[in-house]
PDB file of N, CA and C in Angstrom:
ATOM      1  N   UNK A   1     -23.939 -43.621 -59.264  1.00  0.00           N
ATOM      2  CA  UNK A   1     -24.775 -44.051 -61.043  1.00  0.00           C
ATOM      3  C   UNK A   1     -26.352 -44.198 -60.582  1.00  0.00           C
ATOM      4  N   UNK A   2     -26.780 -44.237 -61.509  1.00  0.00           N
ATOM      5  CA  UNK A   2     -28.326 -44.103 -60.560  1.00  0.00           C
ATOM      6  C   UNK A   2     -28.466 -45.269 -61.642  1.00  0.00           C
ATOM      7  N   UNK A   3     -30.186 -45.613 -60.768  1.00  0.00           N
ATOM      8  CA  UNK A   3     -30.113 -46.667 -62.026  1.00  0.00           C
ATOM      9  C   UNK A   3     -31.070 -46.803 -62.841  1.00  0.00           C
ATOM     10  N   UNK A   4     -31.350 -44.836 -62.881  1.00  0.00           N
ATOM     11  CA  UNK A   4     -31.691 -44.846 -64.775  1.00  0.00           C
ATOM     12  C   UNK A   4     -30.583 -45.589 -65.570  1.00  0.00           C
ATOM     13  N   UNK A   5     -29.492 -44.926 -65.233  1.00  0.00           N
ATOM     14  CA  UNK A   5     -28.400 -45.269 -66.039  1.00  0.00           C
ATOM     15  C   UNK A   5     -28.425 -46.557 -66.824  1.00  0.00           C
ATOM     16  N   UNK A   6     -28.021 -48.222 -66.011  1.00  0.00           N
ATOM     17  CA  UNK A   6     -28.483 -48.858 -65.777  1.00  0.00           C
ATOM     18  C   UNK A   6     -29.436 -49.296 -67.045  1.00  0.00           C
ATOM     19  N   UNK A   7     -30.912 -48.265 -66.686  1.00  0.00           N
ATOM     20  CA  UNK A   7     -32.032 -49.112 -67.448  1.00  0.00           C
ATOM     21  C   UNK A   7     -32.198 -47.878 -68.641  1.00  0.00           C
ATOM     22  N   UNK A   8     -31.677 -46.649 -68.610  1.00  0.00           N
ATOM     23  CA  UNK A   8     -30.857 -46.444 -69.961  1.00  0.00           C
ATOM     24  C   UNK A   8     -30.659 -46.504 -70.832  1.00  0.00           C
ATOM     25  N   UNK A   9     -29.754 -47.721 -70.838  1.00  0.00           N
ATOM     26  CA  UNK A   9     -28.681 -48.073 -71.573  1.00  0.00           C
ATOM     27  C   UNK A   9     -27.448 -47.600 -71.867  1.00  0.00           C
ATOM     28  N   UNK A  10     -26.973 -46.578 -70.615  1.00  0.00           N
ATOM     29  CA  UNK A  10     -25.678 -45.908 -70.505  1.00  0.00           C
ATOM     30  C   UNK A  10     -24.671 -46.839 -70.062  1.00  0.00           C
ATOM     31  N   UNK A  11     -25.311 -48.422 -69.794  1.00  0.00           N
ATOM     32  CA  UNK A  11     -24.351 -48.762 -68.283  1.00  0.00           C
ATOM     33  C   UNK A  11     -23.228 -50.071 -69.162  1.00  0.00           C
ATOM     34  N   UNK A  12     -22.089 -50.884 -68.883  1.00  0.00           N
ATOM     35  CA  UNK A  12     -22.720 -51.458 -69.798  1.00  0.00           C
ATOM     36  C   UNK A  12     -21.179 -52.439 -69.018  1.00  0.00           C
ATOM     37  N   UNK A  13     -21.594 -53.597 -68.851  1.00  0.00           N
ATOM     38  CA  UNK A  13     -20.402 -54.851 -68.832  1.00  0.00           C
ATOM     39  C   UNK A  13     -20.028 -55.644 -69.165  1.00  0.00           C
ATOM     40  N   UNK A  14     -18.953 -55.553 -69.228  1.00  0.00           N
ATOM     41  CA  UNK A  14     -18.069 -56.803 -70.193  1.00  0.00           C
ATOM     42  C   UNK A  14     -17.231 -57.925 -69.342  1.00  0.00           C
ATOM     43  N   UNK A  15     -17.494 -58.904 -69.144  1.00  0.00           N
ATOM     44  CA  UNK A  15     -16.097 -60.396 -68.619  1.00  0.00           C
ATOM     45  C   UNK A  15     -15.483 -60.360 -69.201  1.00  0.00           C
ATOM     46  N   UNK A  16     -13.926 -60.340 -68.449  1.00  0.00           N
ATOM     47  CA  UNK A  16     -12.826 -60.039 -69.116  1.00  0.00           C
ATOM     48  C   UNK A  16     -11.387 -61.492 -68.251  1.00  0.00           C
ATOM     49  N   UNK A  17     -12.984 -62.835 -68.523  1.00  0.00           N
ATOM     50  CA  UNK A  17     -12.444 -63.742 -67.417  1.00  0.00           C
ATOM     51  C   UNK A  17     -10.794 -64.305 -68.165  1.00  0.00           C
ATOM     52  N   UNK A  18     -10.000 -64.328 -67.259  1.00  0.00           N
ATOM     53  CA  UNK A  18      -9.121 -65.485 -67.633  1.00  0.00           C
ATOM     54  C   UNK A  18      -8.884 -66.465 -66.213  1.00  0.00           C
ATOM     55  N   UNK A  19      -8.471 -66.053 -65.567  1.00  0.00           N
ATOM     56  CA  UNK A  19      -8.906 -66.826 -64.051  1.00  0.00           C
ATOM     57  C   UNK A  19      -9.545 -66.670 -62.660  1.00  0.00           C
ATOM     58  N   UNK A  20      -9.720 -65.217 -62.870  1.00  0.00           N
ATOM     59  CA  UNK A  20     -11.013 -64.306 -61.812  1.00  0.00           C
ATOM     60  C   UNK A  20     -11.681 -64.356 -62.854  1.00  0.00           C
ATOM     61  N   UNK A  21     -12.471 -63.735 -62.631  1.00  0.00           N
ATOM     62  CA  UNK A  21     -14.325 -63.421 -63.501  1.00  0.00           C
ATOM     63  C   UNK A  21     -14.080 -61.657 -63.085  1.00  0.00           C
ATOM     64  N   UNK A  22     -12.985 -61.319 -63.838  1.00  0.00           N
ATOM     65  CA  UNK A  22     -12.972 -59.780 -64.162  1.00  0.00           C
ATOM     66  C   UNK A  22     -13.794 -59.414 -65.121  1.00  0.00           C
ATOM     67  N   UNK A  23     -14.371 -58.467 -64.515  1.00  0.00           N
ATOM     68  CA  UNK A  23     -15.375 -57.564 -65.123  1.00  0.00           C
ATOM     69  C   UNK A  23     -14.885 -56.218 -65.946  1.00  0.00           C
ATOM     70  N   UNK A  24     -15.174 -55.208 -67.417  1.00  0.00           N
ATOM     71  CA  UNK A  24     -15.117 -54.049 -67.100  1.00  0.00           C
ATOM     72  C   UNK A  24     -16.534 -53.693 -67.109  1.00  0.00           C
ATOM     73  N   UNK A  25     -16.418 -52.087 -66.200  1.00  0.00           N
ATOM     74  CA  UNK A  25     -17.720 -51.924 -66.405  1.00  0.00           C
ATOM     75  C   UNK A  25     -17.691 -49.830 -66.572  1.00  0.00           C
ATOM     76  N   UNK A  26     -18.180 -50.157 -68.345  1.00  0.00           N
ATOM     77  CA  UNK A  26     -18.184 -48.859 -68.860  1.00  0.00           C
ATOM     78  C   UNK A  26     -19.651 -48.198 -68.398  1.00  0.00           C
ATOM     79  N   UNK A  27     -19.482 -46.329 -69.032  1.00  0.00           N
ATOM     80  CA  UNK A  27     -20.132 -45.477 -68.794  1.00  0.00           C
ATOM     81  C   UNK A  27     -20.277 -44.260 -69.050  1.00  0.00           C
ATOM     82  N   UNK A  28     -20.779 -43.913 -69.987  1.00  0.00           N
ATOM     83  CA  UNK A  28     -20.683 -42.774 -71.087  1.00  0.00           C
ATOM     84  C   UNK A  28     -20.004 -41.422 -70.684  1.00  0.00           C
ATOM     85  N   UNK A  29     -19.190 -40.866 -70.288  1.00  0.00           N
ATOM     86  CA  UNK A  29     -19.496 -39.855 -69.782  1.00  0.00           C
ATOM     87  C   UNK A  29     -17.994 -39.131 -68.221  1.00  0.00           C
ATOM     88  N   UNK A  30     -18.088 -40.783 -67.848  1.00  0.00           N
ATOM     89  CA  UNK A  30     -16.682 -41.435 -67.034  1.00  0.00           C
ATOM     90  C   UNK A  30     -16.063 -42.629 -67.472  1.00  0.00           C
ATOM     91  N   UNK A  31     -14.964 -42.106 -66.505  1.00  0.00           N
ATOM     92  CA  UNK A  31     -13.840 -43.513 -66.479  1.00  0.00           C
ATOM     93  C   UNK A  31     -13.838 -44.798 -66.576  1.00  0.00           C
ATOM     94  N   UNK A  32     -13.780 -45.569 -67.000  1.00  0.00           N
ATOM     95  CA  UNK A  32     -14.486 -47.214 -67.215  1.00  0.00           C
ATOM     96  C   UNK A  32     -13.272 -47.269 -65.445  1.00  0.00           C
ATOM     97  N   UNK A  33     -14.207 -48.544 -64.924  1.00  0.00           N
ATOM     98  CA  UNK A  33     -13.415 -49.756 -64.080  1.00  0.00           C
ATOM     99  C   UNK A  33     -13.168 -50.563 -64.305  1.00  0.00           C
ATOM    100  N   UNK A  34     -12.557 -51.784 -63.860  1.00  0.00           N
ATOM    101  CA  UNK A  34     -11.867 -52.654 -63.401  1.00  0.00           C
ATOM    102  C   UNK A  34     -11.722 -53.291 -62.182  1.00  0.00           C
ATOM    103  N   UNK A  35     -12.825 -54.335 -62.426  1.00  0.00           N
ATOM    104  CA  UNK A  35     -13.384 -55.674 -60.864  1.00  0.00           C
ATOM    105  C   UNK A  35     -12.782 -55.973 -60.503  1.00  0.00           C
ATOM    106  N   UNK A  36     -11.818 -57.041 -60.415  1.00  0.00           N
ATOM    107  CA  UNK A  36     -11.675 -58.119 -59.589  1.00  0.00           C
ATOM    108  C   UNK A  36     -12.025 -58.422 -58.777  1.00  0.00           C
ATOM    109  N   UNK A  37     -13.443 -59.813 -58.491  1.00  0.00           N
ATOM    110  CA  UNK A  37     -13.015 -59.801 -57.496  1.00  0.00           C
ATOM    111  C   UNK A  37     -12.949 -61.460 -57.417  1.00  0.00           C
ATOM    112  N   UNK A  38     -12.576 -62.103 -56.498  1.00  0.00           N
ATOM    113  CA  UNK A  38     -11.462 -63.385 -55.659  1.00  0.00           C
ATOM    114  C   UNK A  38     -12.953 -64.359 -56.142  1.00  0.00           C
ATOM    115  N   UNK A  39     -12.213 -65.667 -56.612  1.00  0.00           N
ATOM    116  CA  UNK A  39     -14.353 -66.355 -57.155  1.00  0.00           C
ATOM    117  C   UNK A  39     -13.696 -67.626 -55.674  1.00  0.00           C
ATOM    118  N   UNK A  40     -12.834 -67.141 -55.628  1.00  0.00           N
ATOM    119  CA  UNK A  40     -12.780 -68.831 -54.284  1.00  0.00           C
ATOM    120  C   UNK A  40     -11.761 -68.170 -52.631  1.00  0.00           C
ATOM    121  N   UNK A  41     -12.302 -68.255 -51.664  1.00  0.00           N
ATOM    122  CA  UNK A  41     -12.232 -68.085 -51.244  1.00  0.00           C
ATOM    123  C   UNK A  41     -10.236 -68.443 -49.802  1.00  0.00           C
ATOM    124  N   UNK A  42      -8.819 -69.068 -50.610  1.00  0.00           N
ATOM    125  CA  UNK A  42      -8.327 -69.695 -51.284  1.00  0.00           C
ATOM    126  C   UNK A  42      -7.434 -68.818 -50.218  1.00  0.00           C
ATOM    127  N   UNK A  43      -7.407 -68.657 -49.054  1.00  0.00           N
ATOM    128  CA  UNK A  43      -6.242 -67.310 -49.012  1.00  0.00           C
ATOM    129  C   UNK A  43      -4.890 -67.573 -50.033  1.00  0.00           C
ATOM    130  N   UNK A  44      -4.176 -68.508 -50.423  1.00  0.00           N
ATOM    131  CA  UNK A  44      -3.091 -67.758 -51.904  1.00  0.00           C
ATOM    132  C   UNK A  44      -3.446 -66.360 -52.114  1.00  0.00           C
ATOM    133  N   UNK A  45      -4.886 -67.538 -53.085  1.00  0.00           N
ATOM    134  CA  UNK A  45      -5.243 -65.557 -53.731  1.00  0.00           C
ATOM    135  C   UNK A  45      -5.490 -64.618 -53.601  1.00  0.00           C
ATOM    136  N   UNK A  46      -6.053 -64.870 -51.894  1.00  0.00           N
ATOM    137  CA  UNK A  46      -6.884 -64.211 -50.922  1.00  0.00           C
ATOM    138  C   UNK A  46      -5.095 -62.959 -51.082  1.00  0.00           C
ATOM    139  N   UNK A  47      -4.105 -63.711 -50.080  1.00  0.00           N
ATOM    140  CA  UNK A  47      -3.213 -62.916 -50.569  1.00  0.00           C
ATOM    141  C   UNK A  47      -2.682 -61.819 -51.328  1.00  0.00           C
ATOM    142  N   UNK A  48      -2.938 -63.171 -52.558  1.00  0.00           N
ATOM    143  CA  UNK A  48      -2.691 -62.131 -53.683  1.00  0.00           C
ATOM    144  C   UNK A  48      -3.026 -60.573 -54.800  1.00  0.00           C
ATOM    145  N   UNK A  49      -4.292 -61.230 -54.059  1.00  0.00           N
ATOM    146  CA  UNK A  49      -5.025 -60.223 -54.202  1.00  0.00           C
ATOM    147  C   UNK A  49      -4.754 -58.061 -52.871  1.00  0.00           C
ATOM    148  N   UNK A  50      -4.942 -59.101 -51.965  1.00  0.00           N
ATOM    149  CA  UNK A  50      -4.142 -57.715 -51.039  1.00  0.00           C
ATOM    150  C   UNK A  50      -2.736 -57.033 -51.163  1.00  0.00           C
ATOM    151  N   UNK A  51      -1.848 -58.238 -52.042  1.00  0.00           N
ATOM    152  CA  UNK A  51      -0.795 -57.339 -52.024  1.00  0.00           C
ATOM    153  C   UNK A  51      -1.204 -56.255 -53.049  1.00  0.00           C
ATOM    154  N   UNK A  52      -1.165 -57.052 -54.115  1.00  0.00           N
ATOM    155  CA  UNK A  52      -2.148 -56.339 -55.471  1.00  0.00           C
ATOM    156  C   UNK A  52      -2.356 -54.478 -55.269  1.00  0.00           C
ATOM    157  N   UNK A  53      -3.150 -54.816 -53.920  1.00  0.00           N
ATOM    158  CA  UNK A  53      -4.094 -53.112 -53.727  1.00  0.00           C
ATOM    159  C   UNK A  53      -3.237 -52.598 -52.847  1.00  0.00           C
ATOM    160  N   UNK A  54      -2.426 -52.887 -52.186  1.00  0.00           N
ATOM    161  CA  UNK A  54      -1.588 -52.749 -51.554  1.00  0.00           C
ATOM    162  C   UNK A  54      -0.383 -51.882 -52.292  1.00  0.00           C
ATOM    163  N   UNK A  55       0.408 -52.720 -53.170  1.00  0.00           N
ATOM    164  CA  UNK A  55       1.050 -52.122 -54.368  1.00  0.00           C
ATOM    165  C   UNK A  55       0.821 -50.748 -55.009  1.00  0.00           C
ATOM    166  N   UNK A  56      -0.415 -51.135 -55.253  1.00  0.00           N
ATOM    167  CA  UNK A  56      -0.992 -50.159 -56.088  1.00  0.00           C
ATOM    168  C   UNK A  56      -1.636 -48.889 -55.310  1.00  0.00           C
ATOM    169  N   UNK A  57      -2.234 -48.863 -53.828  1.00  0.00           N
ATOM    170  CA  UNK A  57      -2.233 -48.002 -52.281  1.00  0.00           C
ATOM    171  C   UNK A  57      -1.078 -47.424 -52.079  1.00  0.00           C
ATOM    172  N   UNK A  58       0.246 -47.860 -52.524  1.00  0.00           N
ATOM    173  CA  UNK A  58       1.530 -47.524 -52.117  1.00  0.00           C
ATOM    174  C   UNK A  58       2.498 -46.689 -53.562  1.00  0.00           C
ATOM    175  N   UNK A  59       1.751 -47.065 -54.442  1.00  0.00           N
ATOM    176  CA  UNK A  59       2.472 -46.444 -55.365  1.00  0.00           C
ATOM    177  C   UNK A  59       1.307 -44.675 -56.618  1.00  0.00           C
ATOM    178  N   UNK A  60       0.043 -44.826 -54.891  1.00  0.00           N
ATOM    179  CA  UNK A  60      -0.330 -43.561 -55.475  1.00  0.00           C
ATOM    180  C   UNK A  60       0.009 -42.658 -54.892  1.00  0.00           C
ATOM    181  N   UNK A  61       0.637 -42.691 -52.869  1.00  0.00           N
ATOM    182  CA  UNK A  61       0.581 -42.107 -52.876  1.00  0.00           C
ATOM    183  C   UNK A  61       2.129 -41.893 -52.119  1.00  0.00           C
ATOM    184  N   UNK A  62       3.153 -42.475 -52.856  1.00  0.00           N
ATOM    185  CA  UNK A  62       4.320 -42.487 -52.230  1.00  0.00           C
ATOM    186  C   UNK A  62       5.579 -41.305 -53.768  1.00  0.00           C
ATOM    187  N   UNK A  63       5.835 -40.683 -53.654  1.00  0.00           N
ATOM    188  CA  UNK A  63       6.226 -39.584 -54.205  1.00  0.00           C
ATOM    189  C   UNK A  63       7.841 -40.763 -54.998  1.00  0.00           C
ATOM    190  N   UNK A  64       8.256 -41.480 -54.463  1.00  0.00           N
ATOM    191  CA  UNK A  64       9.389 -42.265 -54.974  1.00  0.00           C
ATOM    192  C   UNK A  64       8.789 -42.979 -56.093  1.00  0.00           C
ATOM    193  N   UNK A  65       7.207 -42.899 -56.667  1.00  0.00           N
ATOM    194  CA  UNK A  65       6.991 -43.908 -57.787  1.00  0.00           C
ATOM    195  C   UNK A  65       6.381 -43.275 -58.343  1.00  0.00           C
ATOM    196  N   UNK A  66       6.721 -41.307 -58.276  1.00  0.00           N
ATOM    197  CA  UNK A  66       5.557 -40.735 -58.955  1.00  0.00           C
ATOM    198  C   UNK A  66       5.572 -40.494 -60.726  1.00  0.00           C
ATOM    199  N   UNK A  67       7.074 -41.282 -60.687  1.00  0.00           N
ATOM    200  CA  UNK A  67       7.439 -41.708 -62.180  1.00  0.00           C
ATOM    201  C   UNK A  67       6.886 -42.905 -63.165  1.00  0.00           C
ATOM    202  N   UNK A  68       6.139 -43.758 -61.677  1.00  0.00           N
ATOM    203  CA  UNK A  68       5.922 -45.065 -63.142  1.00  0.00           C
ATOM    204  C   UNK A  68       4.173 -45.067 -62.838  1.00  0.00           C
ATOM    205  N   UNK A  69       2.881 -43.416 -61.998  1.00  0.00           N
ATOM    206  CA  UNK A  69       2.143 -43.772 -62.062  1.00  0.00           C
ATOM    207  C   UNK A  69       1.389 -43.870 -62.929  1.00  0.00           C
ATOM    208  N   UNK A  70       1.801 -43.392 -64.112  1.00  0.00           N
ATOM    209  CA  UNK A  70       0.991 -43.244 -65.138  1.00  0.00           C
ATOM    210  C   UNK A  70       0.937 -44.633 -65.738  1.00  0.00           C
ATOM    211  N   UNK A  71       1.293 -45.559 -65.099  1.00  0.00           N
ATOM    212  CA  UNK A  71       2.230 -46.821 -66.333  1.00  0.00           C
ATOM    213  C   UNK A  71       1.274 -48.128 -65.391  1.00  0.00           C
ATOM    214  N   UNK A  72       0.416 -47.444 -63.735  1.00  0.00           N
ATOM    215  CA  UNK A  72      -0.498 -48.774 -63.026  1.00  0.00           C
ATOM    216  C   UNK A  72      -2.095 -47.750 -63.373  1.00  0.00           C
ATOM    217  N   UNK A  73      -3.093 -48.963 -62.844  1.00  0.00           N
ATOM    218  CA  UNK A  73      -4.563 -47.651 -63.159  1.00  0.00           C
ATOM    219  C   UNK A  73      -5.001 -47.227 -61.688  1.00  0.00           C
ATOM    220  N   UNK A  74      -4.818 -46.651 -61.432  1.00  0.00           N
ATOM    221  CA  UNK A  74      -5.178 -46.348 -60.370  1.00  0.00           C
ATOM    222  C   UNK A  74      -6.077 -46.660 -59.021  1.00  0.00           C
ATOM    223  N   UNK A  75      -6.380 -47.019 -57.914  1.00  0.00           N
ATOM    224  CA  UNK A  75      -6.775 -48.293 -57.198  1.00  0.00           C
ATOM    225  C   UNK A  75      -8.477 -46.844 -56.623  1.00  0.00           C
ATOM    226  N   UNK A  76      -8.851 -47.689 -56.616  1.00  0.00           N
ATOM    227  CA  UNK A  76     -10.748 -47.317 -56.514  1.00  0.00           C
ATOM    228  C   UNK A  76     -11.441 -47.342 -55.437  1.00  0.00           C
ATOM    229  N   UNK A  77     -11.107 -48.751 -55.452  1.00  0.00           N
ATOM    230  CA  UNK A  77     -11.223 -49.715 -54.215  1.00  0.00           C
ATOM    231  C   UNK A  77     -11.106 -51.043 -53.631  1.00  0.00           C
ATOM    232  N   UNK A  78     -10.409 -51.448 -52.068  1.00  0.00           N
ATOM    233  CA  UNK A  78     -10.086 -52.647 -51.945  1.00  0.00           C
ATOM    234  C   UNK A  78     -11.291 -52.972 -50.830  1.00  0.00           C
ATOM    235  N   UNK A  79     -11.436 -53.557 -51.074  1.00  0.00           N
ATOM    236  CA  UNK A  79     -12.784 -54.823 -50.450  1.00  0.00           C
ATOM    237  C   UNK A  79     -12.556 -56.287 -49.273  1.00  0.00           C
ATOM    238  N   UNK A  80     -11.867 -55.793 -48.297  1.00  0.00           N
ATOM    239  CA  UNK A  80     -10.777 -57.328 -48.037  1.00  0.00           C
ATOM    240  C   UNK A  80     -11.539 -58.229 -47.275  1.00  0.00           C
ATOM    241  N   UNK A  81     -13.235 -57.967 -47.481  1.00  0.00           N
ATOM    242  CA  UNK A  81     -14.684 -58.361 -47.009  1.00  0.00           C
ATOM    243  C   UNK A  81     -14.693 -59.139 -47.837  1.00  0.00           C
ATOM    244  N   UNK A  82     -14.908 -58.844 -49.134  1.00  0.00           N
ATOM    245  CA  UNK A  82     -15.758 -59.520 -50.223  1.00  0.00           C
ATOM    246  C   UNK A  82     -14.577 -59.996 -51.294  1.00  0.00           C
ATOM    247  N   UNK A  83     -13.409 -59.789 -50.598  1.00  0.00           N
ATOM    248  CA  UNK A  83     -11.770 -60.261 -51.587  1.00  0.00           C
ATOM    249  C   UNK A  83     -12.576 -59.357 -53.035  1.00  0.00           C
ATOM    250  N   UNK A  84     -12.760 -57.991 -53.178  1.00  0.00           N
ATOM    251  CA  UNK A  84     -12.409 -57.374 -54.389  1.00  0.00           C
ATOM    252  C   UNK A  84     -11.790 -56.528 -54.864  1.00  0.00           C
ATOM    253  N   UNK A  85     -10.912 -55.748 -55.813  1.00  0.00           N
ATOM    254  CA  UNK A  85     -10.235 -55.025 -56.238  1.00  0.00           C
ATOM    255  C   UNK A  85     -10.853 -54.079 -57.548  1.00  0.00           C
ATOM    256  N   UNK A  86     -10.930 -52.965 -56.951  1.00  0.00           N
ATOM    257  CA  UNK A  86     -11.574 -51.819 -58.288  1.00  0.00           C
ATOM    258  C   UNK A  86     -10.748 -51.156 -58.496  1.00  0.00           C
ATOM    259  N   UNK A  87     -10.270 -51.059 -59.810  1.00  0.00           N
ATOM    260  CA  UNK A  87      -9.441 -49.474 -60.065  1.00  0.00           C
ATOM    261  C   UNK A  87      -9.525 -48.943 -61.721  1.00  0.00           C
ATOM    262  N   UNK A  88      -9.100 -47.928 -61.596  1.00  0.00           N
ATOM    263  CA  UNK A  88      -9.493 -47.144 -63.075  1.00  0.00           C
ATOM    264  C   UNK A  88      -8.976 -48.331 -64.388  1.00  0.00           C
ATOM    265  N   UNK A  89      -9.865 -48.067 -65.040  1.00  0.00           N
ATOM    266  CA  UNK A  89      -9.461 -48.998 -66.369  1.00  0.00           C
ATOM    267  C   UNK A  89      -8.736 -48.255 -67.435  1.00  0.00           C
ATOM    268  N   UNK A  90      -7.550 -49.023 -68.118  1.00  0.00           N
ATOM    269  CA  UNK A  90      -6.773 -48.867 -68.641  1.00  0.00           C
ATOM    270  C   UNK A  90      -6.994 -49.016 -70.116  1.00  0.00           C
ATOM    271  N   UNK A  91      -6.879 -48.019 -70.611  1.00  0.00           N
ATOM    272  CA  UNK A  91      -7.600 -48.568 -72.215  1.00  0.00           C
ATOM    273  C   UNK A  91      -6.103 -49.193 -73.203  1.00  0.00           C
ATOM    274  N   UNK A  92      -7.046 -50.527 -73.738  1.00  0.00           N
ATOM    275  CA  UNK A  92      -6.611 -50.796 -74.566  1.00  0.00           C
ATOM    276  C   UNK A  92      -4.665 -51.632 -73.899  1.00  0.00           C
ATOM    277  N   UNK A  93      -5.072 -51.928 -72.618  1.00  0.00           N
ATOM    278  CA  UNK A  93      -4.126 -52.874 -71.137  1.00  0.00           C
ATOM    279  C   UNK A  93      -3.910 -53.832 -71.885  1.00  0.00           C
ATOM    280  N   UNK A  94      -2.209 -54.441 -71.433  1.00  0.00           N
ATOM    281  CA  UNK A  94      -2.571 -56.433 -71.855  1.00  0.00           C
ATOM    282  C   UNK A  94      -1.738 -56.874 -70.808  1.00  0.00           C
ATOM    283  N   UNK A  95      -2.111 -57.427 -70.385  1.00  0.00           N
ATOM    284  CA  UNK A  95      -1.602 -58.167 -69.073  1.00  0.00           C
ATOM    285  C   UNK A  95      -0.309 -58.444 -68.712  1.00  0.00           C
ATOM    286  N   UNK A  96       0.256 -57.614 -67.711  1.00  0.00           N
ATOM    287  CA  UNK A  96       2.168 -57.768 -66.944  1.00  0.00           C
ATOM    288  C   UNK A  96       1.958 -59.296 -66.598  1.00  0.00           C
ATOM    289  N   UNK A  97       3.049 -59.977 -66.827  1.00  0.00           N
ATOM    290  CA  UNK A  97       3.124 -60.675 -65.973  1.00  0.00           C
ATOM    291  C   UNK A  97       3.424 -60.617 -64.512  1.00  0.00           C
ATOM    292  N   UNK A  98       2.566 -61.959 -63.372  1.00  0.00           N
ATOM    293  CA  UNK A  98       1.949 -62.015 -62.839  1.00  0.00           C
ATOM    294  C   UNK A  98       4.259 -62.107 -61.482  1.00  0.00           C
ATOM    295  N   UNK A  99       5.103 -63.029 -61.754  1.00  0.00           N
ATOM    296  CA  UNK A  99       6.283 -62.587 -61.907  1.00  0.00           C
ATOM    297  C   UNK A  99       6.795 -61.091 -61.717  1.00  0.00           C
ATOM    298  N   UNK A 100       7.003 -60.318 -62.563  1.00  0.00           N
ATOM    299  CA  UNK A 100       7.234 -58.860 -62.908  1.00  0.00           C
ATOM    300  C   UNK A 100       6.082 -58.004 -61.752  1.00  0.00           C
ATOM    301  N   UNK A 101       5.506 -57.865 -61.955  1.00  0.00           N
ATOM    302  CA  UNK A 101       4.205 -57.519 -60.392  1.00  0.00           C
ATOM    303  C   UNK A 101       4.435 -58.213 -59.569  1.00  0.00           C
ATOM    304  N   UNK A 102       4.530 -59.138 -58.694  1.00  0.00           N
ATOM    305  CA  UNK A 102       5.015 -59.690 -57.932  1.00  0.00           C
ATOM    306  C   UNK A 102       7.079 -58.939 -57.201  1.00  0.00           C
ATOM    307  N   UNK A 103       7.577 -59.231 -58.425  1.00  0.00           N
ATOM    308  CA  UNK A 103       9.184 -58.278 -58.200  1.00  0.00           C
ATOM    309  C   UNK A 103       8.293 -56.940 -57.762  1.00  0.00           C
ATOM    310  N   UNK A 104       8.155 -56.593 -58.166  1.00  0.00           N
ATOM    311  CA  UNK A 104       7.502 -55.318 -58.352  1.00  0.00           C
ATOM    312  C   UNK A 104       7.207 -54.685 -56.712  1.00  0.00           C
ATOM    313  N   UNK A 105       6.468 -55.345 -56.604  1.00  0.00           N
ATOM    314  CA  UNK A 105       5.719 -55.242 -55.205  1.00  0.00           C
ATOM    315  C   UNK A 105       6.945 -55.822 -54.134  1.00  0.00           C
ATOM    316  N   UNK A 106       7.935 -57.117 -54.134  1.00  0.00           N
ATOM    317  CA  UNK A 106       8.722 -57.144 -52.831  1.00  0.00           C
ATOM    318  C   UNK A 106       9.284 -55.855 -53.186  1.00  0.00           C
ATOM    319  N   UNK A 107       9.925 -55.160 -54.559  1.00  0.00           N
ATOM    320  CA  UNK A 107      11.552 -54.392 -54.003  1.00  0.00           C
ATOM    321  C   UNK A 107      10.597 -53.548 -53.153  1.00  0.00           C
ATOM    322  N   UNK A 108       9.355 -52.207 -53.661  1.00  0.00           N
ATOM    323  CA  UNK A 108       8.549 -51.520 -52.818  1.00  0.00           C
ATOM    324  C   UNK A 108       8.136 -51.716 -51.629  1.00  0.00           C
ATOM    325  N   UNK A 109       8.011 -52.727 -51.024  1.00  0.00           N
ATOM    326  CA  UNK A 109       6.752 -52.945 -49.346  1.00  0.00           C
ATOM    327  C   UNK A 109       8.114 -52.797 -49.193  1.00  0.00           C
ATOM    328  N   UNK A 110       8.097 -51.940 -47.578  1.00  0.00           N
ATOM    329  CA  UNK A 110       8.184 -51.527 -46.513  1.00  0.00           C
ATOM    330  C   UNK A 110       8.064 -52.219 -45.822  1.00  0.00           C
ATOM    331  N   UNK A 111       9.491 -53.028 -45.476  1.00  0.00           N
ATOM    332  CA  UNK A 111       9.321 -54.412 -43.815  1.00  0.00           C
ATOM    333  C   UNK A 111       8.718 -54.023 -43.041  1.00  0.00           C
ATOM    334  N   UNK A 112       7.823 -55.638 -43.355  1.00  0.00           N
ATOM    335  CA  UNK A 112       7.519 -54.807 -41.810  1.00  0.00           C
ATOM    336  C   UNK A 112       6.081 -54.421 -41.575  1.00  0.00           C
ATOM    337  N   UNK A 113       5.744 -53.683 -42.940  1.00  0.00           N
ATOM    338  CA  UNK A 113       4.597 -52.441 -42.707  1.00  0.00           C
ATOM    339  C   UNK A 113       3.453 -52.917 -42.563  1.00  0.00           C
ATOM    340  N   UNK A 114       2.603 -52.911 -42.198  1.00  0.00           N
ATOM    341  CA  UNK A 114       0.689 -53.046 -41.624  1.00  0.00           C
ATOM    342  C   UNK A 114       0.112 -52.762 -42.602  1.00  0.00           C
ATOM    343  N   UNK A 115      -0.358 -53.584 -42.955  1.00  0.00           N
ATOM    344  CA  UNK A 115      -0.973 -53.716 -44.961  1.00  0.00           C
ATOM    345  C   UNK A 115      -2.322 -52.933 -43.809  1.00  0.00           C
ATOM    346  N   UNK A 116      -3.256 -51.719 -43.886  1.00  0.00           N
ATOM    347  CA  UNK A 116      -4.753 -51.381 -43.671  1.00  0.00           C
ATOM    348  C   UNK A 116      -5.323 -50.535 -44.964  1.00  0.00           C
ATOM    349  N   UNK A 117      -6.383 -51.149 -44.704  1.00  0.00           N
ATOM    350  CA  UNK A 117      -7.402 -50.171 -44.829  1.00  0.00           C
ATOM    351  C   UNK A 117      -8.290 -49.943 -44.750  1.00  0.00           C
TER     352      UNK A 117
END
C-alpha cells in the first residue's frame, strides 16, 4: 500500500466495534483485511487474542484442518507486542459464538505446545 492509495481515495477504513475497536480495511483490487486491536492490556484479553492467533495459524498449517480452512479467515499478522490480530476479511460473515471458538481451539491445541511467533 502506498500513501497515494490513501490520498487518492482508494483506501477505506470501517469501524466494526463491539467490545474491541475492530475495523475493516478496504482497497480496490485487493482482498480486505480485518484488524482486531486489544484496547487494554489485560492479561485475559491478551491471552484470548493470542489463542485466536494460534488457532488460525494451526488451521492454516495443519492438514487435519484442511476441510475447515474455507470457513475461517486467513491469519495475516499477529503482533504480540502491540496486541493486534490481522486476518483476511471474510465478506458477509457473522460473529461466531466465542464459546464455540474456544471449544474448537481447545480441541485442536497440542498439549503443552509452545506458541511462537
